Amino acid sequence: MTSATTTSALRRLQRWFQAQCDGDWEHGEGIAIETLDNPGWSLKVSLADTPLEHKAFAELKRDYESETEWLTCFLRDGKFMGACGPQKLEEMMEVFLTWAEES
């Protein structure tokens, strides 16, 4: 097993965040996880001044017709954006982390 499969998505996201913190980045950029009213979750990760800033990402839409199992991720305005159903937060973080750790 790789460390990606044995370490939780939250722990990996914390490590990615900490690796970006350079005394400046964390003051104007960052990560936001919020609830949605449909219900669900949103994830916004600023890519400015990170190794991911210019990296391509293929938009993902999964089970979009489902009320609870849906997931979408894309890049917009220098940010990784994700939204998902109420039980898909960890999977959405995994999508970001798999993409972020691929290099």
Protein backbone atom coordinates (compact mmCIF):
# COMPACT_ATOMS: atom_id res chain seq x y z
CA MET A 1 0.00 0.00 0.00
CA THR A 2 1.14 3.51 -0.73
CA SER A 3 1.07 6.24 1.84
CA ALA A 4 -1.76 7.86 -0.16
CA THR A 5 -4.02 4.90 0.60
CA THR A 6 -3.03 4.50 4.24
CA THR A 7 -3.16 8.17 5.25
CA SER A 8 -6.51 9.92 5.59
CA ALA A 9 -7.53 12.55 3.07
CA LEU A 10 -7.82 15.14 5.84
CA ARG A 11 -4.29 14.47 7.07
CA ARG A 12 -2.94 14.66 3.50
CA LEU A 13 -4.82 17.93 2.90
CA GLN A 14 -3.31 19.34 6.10
CA ARG A 15 0.16 18.38 4.89
CA TRP A 16 -0.44 19.93 1.46
CA PHE A 17 -1.66 23.14 3.11
CA GLN A 18 1.33 23.30 5.44
CA ALA A 19 3.74 22.76 2.55
CA GLN A 20 2.32 25.84 0.79
CA CYS A 21 2.66 28.09 3.85
CA ASP A 22 5.70 30.28 3.30
CA GLY A 23 4.92 33.31 5.42
CA ASP A 24 2.96 34.98 2.60
CA TRP A 25 0.75 32.43 0.82
CA GLU A 26 -1.39 31.65 3.86
CA HIS A 27 -2.28 35.33 4.36
CA GLY A 28 -3.94 35.81 0.98
CA GLU A 29 -4.62 32.27 -0.23
CA GLY A 30 -5.77 29.04 1.36
CA ILE A 31 -8.37 26.31 1.53
CA ALA A 32 -12.08 26.67 2.30
CA ILE A 33 -14.45 23.81 3.10
CA GLU A 34 -18.09 24.83 3.49
CA THR A 35 -21.52 23.25 3.64
CA LEU A 36 -24.07 23.66 0.84
CA ASP A 37 -27.80 23.96 1.30
CA ASN A 38 -28.81 21.20 -1.14
CA PRO A 39 -27.19 19.55 1.12
CA GLY A 40 -23.56 18.95 0.40
CA TRP A 41 -20.03 20.30 0.64
CA SER A 42 -17.84 22.71 -1.29
CA LEU A 43 -14.05 22.75 -1.46
CA LYS A 44 -12.04 25.72 -2.74
CA VAL A 45 -8.26 25.54 -2.90
CA SER A 46 -6.24 28.53 -4.05
CA LEU A 47 -3.54 27.44 -6.46
CA ALA A 48 -1.80 30.82 -6.75
CA ASP A 49 1.93 30.59 -6.10
CA THR A 50 1.83 26.80 -5.76
CA PRO A 51 3.29 24.13 -8.07
CA LEU A 52 -0.31 23.50 -9.24
CA GLU A 53 -0.94 27.04 -10.46
CA HIS A 54 -0.58 26.15 -14.16
CA LYS A 55 -1.29 22.40 -14.01
CA ALA A 56 -4.16 21.14 -16.17
CA PHE A 57 -7.13 19.37 -14.61
CA ALA A 58 -9.91 17.64 -16.54
CA GLU A 59 -13.30 18.68 -15.19
CA LEU A 60 -15.03 15.85 -13.34
CA LYS A 61 -18.78 15.28 -12.98
CA ARG A 62 -19.87 12.07 -11.30
CA ASP A 63 -23.44 10.90 -10.53
CA TYR A 64 -24.67 14.45 -11.12
CA GLU A 65 -28.32 13.32 -11.35
CA SER A 66 -28.25 11.82 -7.84
CA GLU A 67 -29.48 13.93 -4.93
CA THR A 68 -26.84 12.56 -2.55
CA GLU A 69 -24.04 10.82 -4.47
CA TRP A 70 -22.99 13.62 -6.85
CA LEU A 71 -19.52 15.08 -7.19
CA THR A 72 -18.04 17.74 -9.44
CA CYS A 73 -14.53 19.23 -9.54
CA PHE A 74 -13.01 21.82 -11.87
CA LEU A 75 -10.55 24.72 -12.07
CA ARG A 76 -11.78 28.32 -12.11
CA ASP A 77 -10.05 31.64 -11.50
CA GLY A 78 -6.86 30.07 -10.16
CA LYS A 79 -8.69 27.77 -7.77
CA PHE A 80 -9.53 24.09 -7.57
CA MET A 81 -13.28 24.03 -6.98
CA GLY A 82 -15.29 21.06 -5.86
CA ALA A 83 -18.84 20.42 -4.75
CA CYS A 84 -20.42 17.16 -3.67
CA GLY A 85 -23.23 15.38 -1.87
CA PRO A 86 -23.26 15.10 1.92
CA GLN A 87 -21.34 11.79 2.10
CA LYS A 88 -18.72 12.61 -0.57
CA LEU A 89 -16.44 15.12 1.21
CA GLU A 90 -13.57 12.67 1.65
CA GLU A 91 -13.87 11.48 -1.96
CA MET A 92 -13.79 15.10 -3.18
CA MET A 93 -10.64 15.76 -1.14
CA GLU A 94 -9.14 12.57 -2.63
CA VAL A 95 -9.79 13.89 -6.16
CA PHE A 96 -7.86 17.07 -5.34
CA LEU A 97 -5.05 15.24 -3.56
CA THR A 98 -4.58 12.59 -6.24
CA TRP A 99 -4.26 15.37 -8.83
CA ALA A 100 -1.99 17.46 -6.57
CA GLU A 101 0.31 14.56 -5.71
CA GLU A 102 0.73 13.36 -9.33
CA SER A 103 4.03 15.05 -10.10
